[in-house]
């Protein structure tokens, strides 16, 4: 008698049911028993907030369990929801997405390409949480998430990097400073160990700090390296933030807000050395040159493990980088914090804003009550959403040490979050926390206090520049001539639906000739089209009708070093984001550019549209 066997369709059906049941189980746990989320990564595509990797704790009312997130979570930001934990998470729309063969990592980073509705996973370390497999890190690979059209779903796949020599020598890092813009993704510094890569030096259970910036071009799909010599004496940067600022420079700038540094890169010790946020490191991408500028204003105290987002004024007159939270000291995972660190960390529940081009810090005015580390932030328009993290101020009950349940770490991950699913919302314009996500919130506008500061000073630039090279980048031409006629994004990870023009000039330039040339060129172009139309109308009576092609795509823009694609939209996603393309600040007066797309319809059976956007810049 033969053994019964399942048919292939039946087996597939059972696998689908099992997968669905697993997703339902995870959703039930998270909705009814969510406690904390940490070590994760996050990104925004369209109106979807995606959370991937890391760990979370859940409670059944009696015990709390630490688990690895094995699925990608999508939260609908197109709907309003309350963030009050007491109201529960029933009004938060959550979708669970299978990761296929994409690995799970802690301390991972994402580069978001809003133009193509894609995000790339870079870096990360294996978890040692209860229930982890204890496997060695998988081979280095770049994974991408492609969002479905019309819904929050999507698919994970591996990017082919077999022909990229830089990838072949790559050692996967964690805890670096990541950011992305419309041109690509950046990753500064970080550390490597046997938890991140099998290529790490043998026996390196301790973390080794690494140098350099990796840049992944979204268009060419190639990785390139930049020097990190300007961020610290050893070129190292750990647990900080990085923002892509396209408003100045031929190819934009990378602004590093460094958390920790490693005096001895061969052995990184958490809490040993911090970089001052009074010194802002700026990389000019076109020249691969680092500059440093001393900041003014309400400068944040030394910290790391914070999150950042960025936003640009509608007229590109200012660019703001927001820093939320963070900690100081060796961290509650490494050891129990000292009383001094606990006191210091209680004050780090704060939001600071670095405004460019003044390089001035501002602080949001609210009473600290919810300090966080190991959280992530993303933004749309004027709203920032903070995801997860835990409290670094909890003192150990006894000396059982991490990760014991009575250690500071054990207490922190089992401390119920005050916010539903760990989601907090901050209004970037009003500089206030909100109790709900509002999907109808308007675009970002520079906070009133910052606008008043610039108006009172009468100058947009620092009272003194630390280096003449940086002064030239900001007060000189903000973009190359090849950039000046291209649509650009007012935010680095924009979804290009609302073009915003970027200009290139210096305070000594006379714009009269440019305006006259634009007008003459427009008239000549119109005359040429009228002539072509007359000719085609005559030929229309003949058997063969000439067809005029008007939809040939423009060739991609070629920059000095990279093939760069620019996008546009100022009401879009920013991540340290952060997911703005150039406008220019040349003097104490704000330059305005008039964008006009001139269309002429001919009185025939044919309709013709001018093949270019004619732009006129007005002197202010």
Foldseek 3Di string as FASTA:
>chain_A
DDDDDDDPVVVVVVVVVVVVVVVVVVVVQQQPFWFFWFLWEWFDADQKIKIAAGWTWGDPPPDIFIGIDQWIKIWGLLDKDFFFCVVTCPVIDIDTAHAVPDDHFGQWYWAFQRQQQKIKIAAGFQDPGPPGPPDWADADWIKMWHADPPDRYTYIDTDDCVPAVVSVPDFGFGQWAKAFFNFWIKTAKGWHARRTGPPPPPPRNATAIDAWMWTQGPPVRYIDIFGQCQPDVVRHAGQWYWEWAAAWAARTKIKTQGAAGAPHRRGDQAQPGGDFSQWIWMARVQVSDIDIWGAAEDGDDHFGQWFWWKAAAPLRLKIKIKTAAGFHGRFQQVWFDDQVRLVVRQVRRWIWIQMPPARYIDTQDDHRDAHFGRWYWKDFFQKIKIATGWRRNDGFPDHPIPPDCRGSVNVTSRHGDSTHNRIWMAGNQCSGTDRMSDSPDHGHHHHPVVVVVLVVVLWRYYPDGPDVVVVCRAQAWRHDPLQQQDFAAAFGQFHFDDTDGAHTGAPPDDQPVVQVVLVVVVVVLVVVVVVVVVVQVVCVPPPDHDDDDQPDDDDFDDGPPHGGDHGYDNRGMQESGGHRHHHGDNISDRWGWDWDQDADADPDPDGDGRNGTRIGTDDD
